[in-house]
PDB file of N, CA and C in Angstrom:
ATOM      1  N   UNK A   1      54.029 -33.932  62.697  1.00  0.00           N
ATOM      2  CA  UNK A   1      53.566 -32.924  63.744  1.00  0.00           C
ATOM      3  C   UNK A   1      52.541 -31.965  63.007  1.00  0.00           C
ATOM      4  N   UNK A   2      51.598 -31.643  63.724  1.00  0.00           N
ATOM      5  CA  UNK A   2      50.629 -30.819  63.145  1.00  0.00           C
ATOM      6  C   UNK A   2      51.286 -29.366  62.977  1.00  0.00           C
ATOM      7  N   UNK A   3      50.707 -28.603  62.019  1.00  0.00           N
ATOM      8  CA  UNK A   3      51.228 -27.262  61.868  1.00  0.00           C
ATOM      9  C   UNK A   3      50.755 -26.335  62.907  1.00  0.00           C
ATOM     10  N   UNK A   4      51.401 -25.351  63.161  1.00  0.00           N
ATOM     11  CA  UNK A   4      51.066 -24.393  64.267  1.00  0.00           C
ATOM     12  C   UNK A   4      52.261 -24.093  65.131  1.00  0.00           C
ATOM     13  N   UNK A   5      52.078 -23.463  66.274  1.00  0.00           N
ATOM     14  CA  UNK A   5      53.036 -23.131  67.086  1.00  0.00           C
ATOM     15  C   UNK A   5      53.372 -24.309  67.988  1.00  0.00           C
ATOM     16  N   UNK A   6      54.654 -24.833  67.879  1.00  0.00           N
ATOM     17  CA  UNK A   6      54.988 -25.952  68.708  1.00  0.00           C
ATOM     18  C   UNK A   6      55.054 -25.708  70.296  1.00  0.00           C
ATOM     19  N   UNK A   7      55.191 -24.410  70.656  1.00  0.00           N
ATOM     20  CA  UNK A   7      55.176 -24.142  72.124  1.00  0.00           C
ATOM     21  C   UNK A   7      53.791 -24.419  72.659  1.00  0.00           C
ATOM     22  N   UNK A   8      52.785 -24.408  71.857  1.00  0.00           N
ATOM     23  CA  UNK A   8      51.418 -24.647  72.289  1.00  0.00           C
ATOM     24  C   UNK A   8      50.980 -26.137  72.154  1.00  0.00           C
ATOM     25  N   UNK A   9      51.849 -26.886  71.482  1.00  0.00           N
ATOM     26  CA  UNK A   9      51.610 -28.313  71.363  1.00  0.00           C
ATOM     27  C   UNK A   9      51.604 -29.057  72.686  1.00  0.00           C
ATOM     28  N   UNK A  10      50.767 -29.992  72.829  1.00  0.00           N
ATOM     29  CA  UNK A  10      50.646 -30.667  74.054  1.00  0.00           C
ATOM     30  C   UNK A  10      51.881 -31.328  74.550  1.00  0.00           C
ATOM     31  N   UNK A  11      52.587 -32.055  73.610  1.00  0.00           N
ATOM     32  CA  UNK A  11      53.727 -32.806  74.076  1.00  0.00           C
ATOM     33  C   UNK A  11      54.868 -31.923  74.551  1.00  0.00           C
ATOM     34  N   UNK A  12      55.131 -30.752  73.927  1.00  0.00           N
ATOM     35  CA  UNK A  12      56.113 -29.845  74.314  1.00  0.00           C
ATOM     36  C   UNK A  12      55.822 -29.351  75.726  1.00  0.00           C
ATOM     37  N   UNK A  13      54.547 -29.030  75.923  1.00  0.00           N
ATOM     38  CA  UNK A  13      54.105 -28.510  77.296  1.00  0.00           C
ATOM     39  C   UNK A  13      54.243 -29.562  78.297  1.00  0.00           C
ATOM     40  N   UNK A  14      53.966 -30.823  78.057  1.00  0.00           N
ATOM     41  CA  UNK A  14      54.050 -31.910  79.035  1.00  0.00           C
ATOM     42  C   UNK A  14      55.521 -32.147  79.358  1.00  0.00           C
ATOM     43  N   UNK A  15      56.302 -32.202  78.367  1.00  0.00           N
ATOM     44  CA  UNK A  15      57.712 -32.527  78.583  1.00  0.00           C
ATOM     45  C   UNK A  15      58.359 -31.377  79.386  1.00  0.00           C
ATOM     46  N   UNK A  16      58.051 -30.169  79.014  1.00  0.00           N
ATOM     47  CA  UNK A  16      58.581 -28.984  79.802  1.00  0.00           C
ATOM     48  C   UNK A  16      58.028 -28.958  81.240  1.00  0.00           C
ATOM     49  N   UNK A  17      56.835 -29.337  81.426  1.00  0.00           N
ATOM     50  CA  UNK A  17      56.202 -29.390  82.769  1.00  0.00           C
ATOM     51  C   UNK A  17      56.970 -30.417  83.659  1.00  0.00           C
ATOM     52  N   UNK A  18      57.180 -31.674  83.045  1.00  0.00           N
ATOM     53  CA  UNK A  18      57.908 -32.720  83.730  1.00  0.00           C
ATOM     54  C   UNK A  18      59.289 -32.217  84.054  1.00  0.00           C
ATOM     55  N   UNK A  19      59.967 -31.582  83.149  1.00  0.00           N
ATOM     56  CA  UNK A  19      61.328 -31.074  83.416  1.00  0.00           C
ATOM     57  C   UNK A  19      61.273 -30.056  84.555  1.00  0.00           C
ATOM     58  N   UNK A  20      60.341 -29.227  84.645  1.00  0.00           N
ATOM     59  CA  UNK A  20      60.321 -28.150  85.691  1.00  0.00           C
ATOM     60  C   UNK A  20      60.083 -28.866  87.033  1.00  0.00           C
ATOM     61  N   UNK A  21      59.105 -29.943  87.108  1.00  0.00           N
ATOM     62  CA  UNK A  21      58.896 -30.700  88.314  1.00  0.00           C
ATOM     63  C   UNK A  21      60.146 -31.399  88.709  1.00  0.00           C
ATOM     64  N   UNK A  22      60.909 -32.028  87.794  1.00  0.00           N
ATOM     65  CA  UNK A  22      62.190 -32.647  88.052  1.00  0.00           C
ATOM     66  C   UNK A  22      63.223 -31.721  88.622  1.00  0.00           C
ATOM     67  N   UNK A  23      63.304 -30.415  88.009  1.00  0.00           N
ATOM     68  CA  UNK A  23      64.191 -29.370  88.487  1.00  0.00           C
ATOM     69  C   UNK A  23      63.785 -29.005  89.920  1.00  0.00           C
ATOM     70  N   UNK A  24      62.499 -28.744  90.288  1.00  0.00           N
ATOM     71  CA  UNK A  24      62.114 -28.311  91.575  1.00  0.00           C
ATOM     72  C   UNK A  24      62.391 -29.420  92.571  1.00  0.00           C
ATOM     73  N   UNK A  25      62.113 -30.767  92.236  1.00  0.00           N
ATOM     74  CA  UNK A  25      62.415 -31.853  93.147  1.00  0.00           C
ATOM     75  C   UNK A  25      63.899 -31.864  93.397  1.00  0.00           C
ATOM     76  N   UNK A  26      64.614 -31.801  92.388  1.00  0.00           N
ATOM     77  CA  UNK A  26      66.113 -31.723  92.534  1.00  0.00           C
ATOM     78  C   UNK A  26      66.612 -30.630  93.497  1.00  0.00           C
ATOM     79  N   UNK A  27      66.092 -29.432  93.322  1.00  0.00           N
ATOM     80  CA  UNK A  27      66.398 -28.364  94.191  1.00  0.00           C
ATOM     81  C   UNK A  27      65.987 -28.663  95.620  1.00  0.00           C
ATOM     82  N   UNK A  28      64.864 -29.283  95.732  1.00  0.00           N
ATOM     83  CA  UNK A  28      64.445 -29.662  97.125  1.00  0.00           C
ATOM     84  C   UNK A  28      65.324 -30.604  97.770  1.00  0.00           C
ATOM     85  N   UNK A  29      65.761 -31.689  97.041  1.00  0.00           N
ATOM     86  CA  UNK A  29      66.747 -32.570  97.541  1.00  0.00           C
ATOM     87  C   UNK A  29      68.109 -31.910  97.810  1.00  0.00           C
ATOM     88  N   UNK A  30      68.424 -30.976  96.958  1.00  0.00           N
ATOM     89  CA  UNK A  30      69.783 -30.325  96.999  1.00  0.00           C
ATOM     90  C   UNK A  30      69.897 -29.476  98.323  1.00  0.00           C
ATOM     91  N   UNK A  31      68.845 -28.695  98.582  1.00  0.00           N
ATOM     92  CA  UNK A  31      68.941 -27.857  99.750  1.00  0.00           C
ATOM     93  C   UNK A  31      68.327 -28.483 101.081  1.00  0.00           C
ATOM     94  N   UNK A  32      67.344 -29.274 100.956  1.00  0.00           N
ATOM     95  CA  UNK A  32      66.657 -29.763 102.148  1.00  0.00           C
ATOM     96  C   UNK A  32      67.103 -31.219 102.527  1.00  0.00           C
ATOM     97  N   UNK A  33      67.579 -31.931 101.631  1.00  0.00           N
ATOM     98  CA  UNK A  33      67.958 -33.388 101.884  1.00  0.00           C
ATOM     99  C   UNK A  33      69.027 -33.458 102.906  1.00  0.00           C
ATOM    100  N   UNK A  34      70.164 -32.834 102.719  1.00  0.00           N
ATOM    101  CA  UNK A  34      71.188 -32.926 103.796  1.00  0.00           C
ATOM    102  C   UNK A  34      70.711 -32.445 105.162  1.00  0.00           C
ATOM    103  N   UNK A  35      69.991 -31.394 105.217  1.00  0.00           N
ATOM    104  CA  UNK A  35      69.486 -30.790 106.425  1.00  0.00           C
ATOM    105  C   UNK A  35      68.514 -31.781 107.192  1.00  0.00           C
ATOM    106  N   UNK A  36      67.523 -32.254 106.429  1.00  0.00           N
ATOM    107  CA  UNK A  36      66.453 -33.141 107.027  1.00  0.00           C
ATOM    108  C   UNK A  36      66.932 -34.474 107.274  1.00  0.00           C
ATOM    109  N   UNK A  37      67.736 -35.072 106.355  1.00  0.00           N
ATOM    110  CA  UNK A  37      67.973 -36.438 106.381  1.00  0.00           C
ATOM    111  C   UNK A  37      69.385 -36.842 106.854  1.00  0.00           C
ATOM    112  N   UNK A  38      70.254 -35.705 106.988  1.00  0.00           N
ATOM    113  CA  UNK A  38      71.558 -35.969 107.614  1.00  0.00           C
ATOM    114  C   UNK A  38      72.669 -36.657 106.766  1.00  0.00           C
ATOM    115  N   UNK A  39      72.473 -36.678 105.549  1.00  0.00           N
ATOM    116  CA  UNK A  39      73.447 -37.320 104.610  1.00  0.00           C
ATOM    117  C   UNK A  39      73.642 -36.465 103.388  1.00  0.00           C
ATOM    118  N   UNK A  40      74.890 -36.422 102.844  1.00  0.00           N
ATOM    119  CA  UNK A  40      75.194 -35.611 101.670  1.00  0.00           C
ATOM    120  C   UNK A  40      74.835 -36.431 100.371  1.00  0.00           C
ATOM    121  N   UNK A  41      74.396 -37.669 100.478  1.00  0.00           N
ATOM    122  CA  UNK A  41      73.999 -38.386  99.330  1.00  0.00           C
ATOM    123  C   UNK A  41      72.737 -37.720  98.659  1.00  0.00           C
ATOM    124  N   UNK A  42      71.952 -37.129  99.435  1.00  0.00           N
ATOM    125  CA  UNK A  42      70.799 -36.515  98.815  1.00  0.00           C
ATOM    126  C   UNK A  42      71.127 -35.213  98.141  1.00  0.00           C
ATOM    127  N   UNK A  43      72.191 -34.528  98.548  1.00  0.00           N
ATOM    128  CA  UNK A  43      72.813 -33.336  97.905  1.00  0.00           C
ATOM    129  C   UNK A  43      73.135 -33.671  96.492  1.00  0.00           C
ATOM    130  N   UNK A  44      73.881 -34.826  96.306  1.00  0.00           N
ATOM    131  CA  UNK A  44      74.250 -35.175  94.992  1.00  0.00           C
ATOM    132  C   UNK A  44      73.093 -35.607  94.125  1.00  0.00           C
ATOM    133  N   UNK A  45      72.146 -36.322  94.713  1.00  0.00           N
ATOM    134  CA  UNK A  45      70.940 -36.730  94.027  1.00  0.00           C
ATOM    135  C   UNK A  45      70.213 -35.475  93.542  1.00  0.00           C
ATOM    136  N   UNK A  46      70.062 -34.511  94.384  1.00  0.00           N
ATOM    137  CA  UNK A  46      69.315 -33.252  94.066  1.00  0.00           C
ATOM    138  C   UNK A  46      70.083 -32.519  92.979  1.00  0.00           C
ATOM    139  N   UNK A  47      71.384 -32.551  93.044  1.00  0.00           N
ATOM    140  CA  UNK A  47      72.134 -31.894  92.051  1.00  0.00           C
ATOM    141  C   UNK A  47      71.996 -32.467  90.706  1.00  0.00           C
ATOM    142  N   UNK A  48      72.019 -33.809  90.622  1.00  0.00           N
ATOM    143  CA  UNK A  48      71.766 -34.500  89.385  1.00  0.00           C
ATOM    144  C   UNK A  48      70.386 -34.289  88.737  1.00  0.00           C
ATOM    145  N   UNK A  49      69.433 -34.400  89.682  1.00  0.00           N
ATOM    146  CA  UNK A  49      67.986 -34.162  89.231  1.00  0.00           C
ATOM    147  C   UNK A  49      67.802 -32.752  88.644  1.00  0.00           C
ATOM    148  N   UNK A  50      68.309 -31.795  89.426  1.00  0.00           N
ATOM    149  CA  UNK A  50      68.203 -30.362  89.049  1.00  0.00           C
ATOM    150  C   UNK A  50      68.875 -30.156  87.677  1.00  0.00           C
ATOM    151  N   UNK A  51      70.055 -30.689  87.509  1.00  0.00           N
ATOM    152  CA  UNK A  51      70.793 -30.444  86.297  1.00  0.00           C
ATOM    153  C   UNK A  51      70.064 -31.178  85.101  1.00  0.00           C
ATOM    154  N   UNK A  52      69.582 -32.347  85.303  1.00  0.00           N
ATOM    155  CA  UNK A  52      68.873 -33.118  84.239  1.00  0.00           C
ATOM    156  C   UNK A  52      67.584 -32.348  83.798  1.00  0.00           C
ATOM    157  N   UNK A  53      66.884 -31.895  84.854  1.00  0.00           N
ATOM    158  CA  UNK A  53      65.597 -31.047  84.528  1.00  0.00           C
ATOM    159  C   UNK A  53      65.896 -29.753  83.824  1.00  0.00           C
ATOM    160  N   UNK A  54      66.973 -29.178  84.233  1.00  0.00           N
ATOM    161  CA  UNK A  54      67.316 -27.874  83.601  1.00  0.00           C
ATOM    162  C   UNK A  54      67.761 -28.141  82.057  1.00  0.00           C
ATOM    163  N   UNK A  55      68.465 -29.142  81.786  1.00  0.00           N
ATOM    164  CA  UNK A  55      69.106 -29.445  80.403  1.00  0.00           C
ATOM    165  C   UNK A  55      67.825 -29.805  79.557  1.00  0.00           C
ATOM    166  N   UNK A  56      66.887 -30.682  80.082  1.00  0.00           N
ATOM    167  CA  UNK A  56      65.791 -31.101  79.353  1.00  0.00           C
ATOM    168  C   UNK A  56      64.849 -29.967  78.951  1.00  0.00           C
ATOM    169  N   UNK A  57      64.621 -29.021  80.012  1.00  0.00           N
ATOM    170  CA  UNK A  57      63.724 -27.887  79.805  1.00  0.00           C
ATOM    171  C   UNK A  57      64.407 -27.010  78.697  1.00  0.00           C
ATOM    172  N   UNK A  58      65.629 -26.622  78.805  1.00  0.00           N
ATOM    173  CA  UNK A  58      66.344 -25.793  77.864  1.00  0.00           C
ATOM    174  C   UNK A  58      66.280 -26.428  76.514  1.00  0.00           C
ATOM    175  N   UNK A  59      66.530 -27.699  76.425  1.00  0.00           N
ATOM    176  CA  UNK A  59      66.543 -28.379  75.096  1.00  0.00           C
ATOM    177  C   UNK A  59      65.304 -28.271  74.459  1.00  0.00           C
ATOM    178  N   UNK A  60      64.220 -28.630  75.120  1.00  0.00           N
ATOM    179  CA  UNK A  60      62.831 -28.567  74.415  1.00  0.00           C
ATOM    180  C   UNK A  60      62.379 -27.115  74.220  1.00  0.00           C
ATOM    181  N   UNK A  61      62.771 -26.220  74.977  1.00  0.00           N
ATOM    182  CA  UNK A  61      62.438 -24.810  74.766  1.00  0.00           C
ATOM    183  C   UNK A  61      63.193 -24.332  73.539  1.00  0.00           C
ATOM    184  N   UNK A  62      64.402 -24.669  73.259  1.00  0.00           N
ATOM    185  CA  UNK A  62      65.196 -24.292  72.078  1.00  0.00           C
ATOM    186  C   UNK A  62      64.591 -24.976  70.848  1.00  0.00           C
ATOM    187  N   UNK A  63      64.245 -26.269  71.018  1.00  0.00           N
ATOM    188  CA  UNK A  63      63.695 -27.074  69.993  1.00  0.00           C
ATOM    189  C   UNK A  63      62.392 -26.464  69.543  1.00  0.00           C
ATOM    190  N   UNK A  64      61.566 -26.072  70.455  1.00  0.00           N
ATOM    191  CA  UNK A  64      60.277 -25.503  70.052  1.00  0.00           C
ATOM    192  C   UNK A  64      60.466 -24.112  69.319  1.00  0.00           C
ATOM    193  N   UNK A  65      61.415 -23.310  69.789  1.00  0.00           N
ATOM    194  CA  UNK A  65      61.696 -22.044  69.184  1.00  0.00           C
ATOM    195  C   UNK A  65      62.127 -22.225  67.692  1.00  0.00           C
ATOM    196  N   UNK A  66      63.130 -23.205  67.529  1.00  0.00           N
ATOM    197  CA  UNK A  66      63.577 -23.416  66.200  1.00  0.00           C
ATOM    198  C   UNK A  66      62.503 -23.949  65.369  1.00  0.00           C
ATOM    199  N   UNK A  67      61.614 -24.878  65.850  1.00  0.00           N
ATOM    200  CA  UNK A  67      60.506 -25.346  64.981  1.00  0.00           C
ATOM    201  C   UNK A  67      59.472 -24.246  64.628  1.00  0.00           C
ATOM    202  N   UNK A  68      59.282 -23.356  65.599  1.00  0.00           N
ATOM    203  CA  UNK A  68      58.411 -22.176  65.240  1.00  0.00           C
ATOM    204  C   UNK A  68      58.925 -21.239  64.247  1.00  0.00           C
ATOM    205  N   UNK A  69      60.244 -21.206  64.121  1.00  0.00           N
ATOM    206  CA  UNK A  69      60.946 -20.359  63.162  1.00  0.00           C
ATOM    207  C   UNK A  69      60.982 -20.799  61.815  1.00  0.00           C
ATOM    208  N   UNK A  70      60.509 -22.067  61.607  1.00  0.00           N
ATOM    209  CA  UNK A  70      60.660 -22.579  60.102  1.00  0.00           C
ATOM    210  C   UNK A  70      59.690 -21.871  59.260  1.00  0.00           C
TER     211      UNK A  70
END
């Protein structure tokens, strides 16, 4: 990895952006899926997507903060 601030590194930004999109899509399925599509399966799909996106976002945020502190 090149020296510098990892928070400004392209790969960290892309991964965090994808995680945020995943989180927002999950929240959309979580709240709108059962209402619009009439089944609770989309509630669980949304919950899983939102949790996965949140975990990935937090993990890479903490990883970038630790790498910047070296």
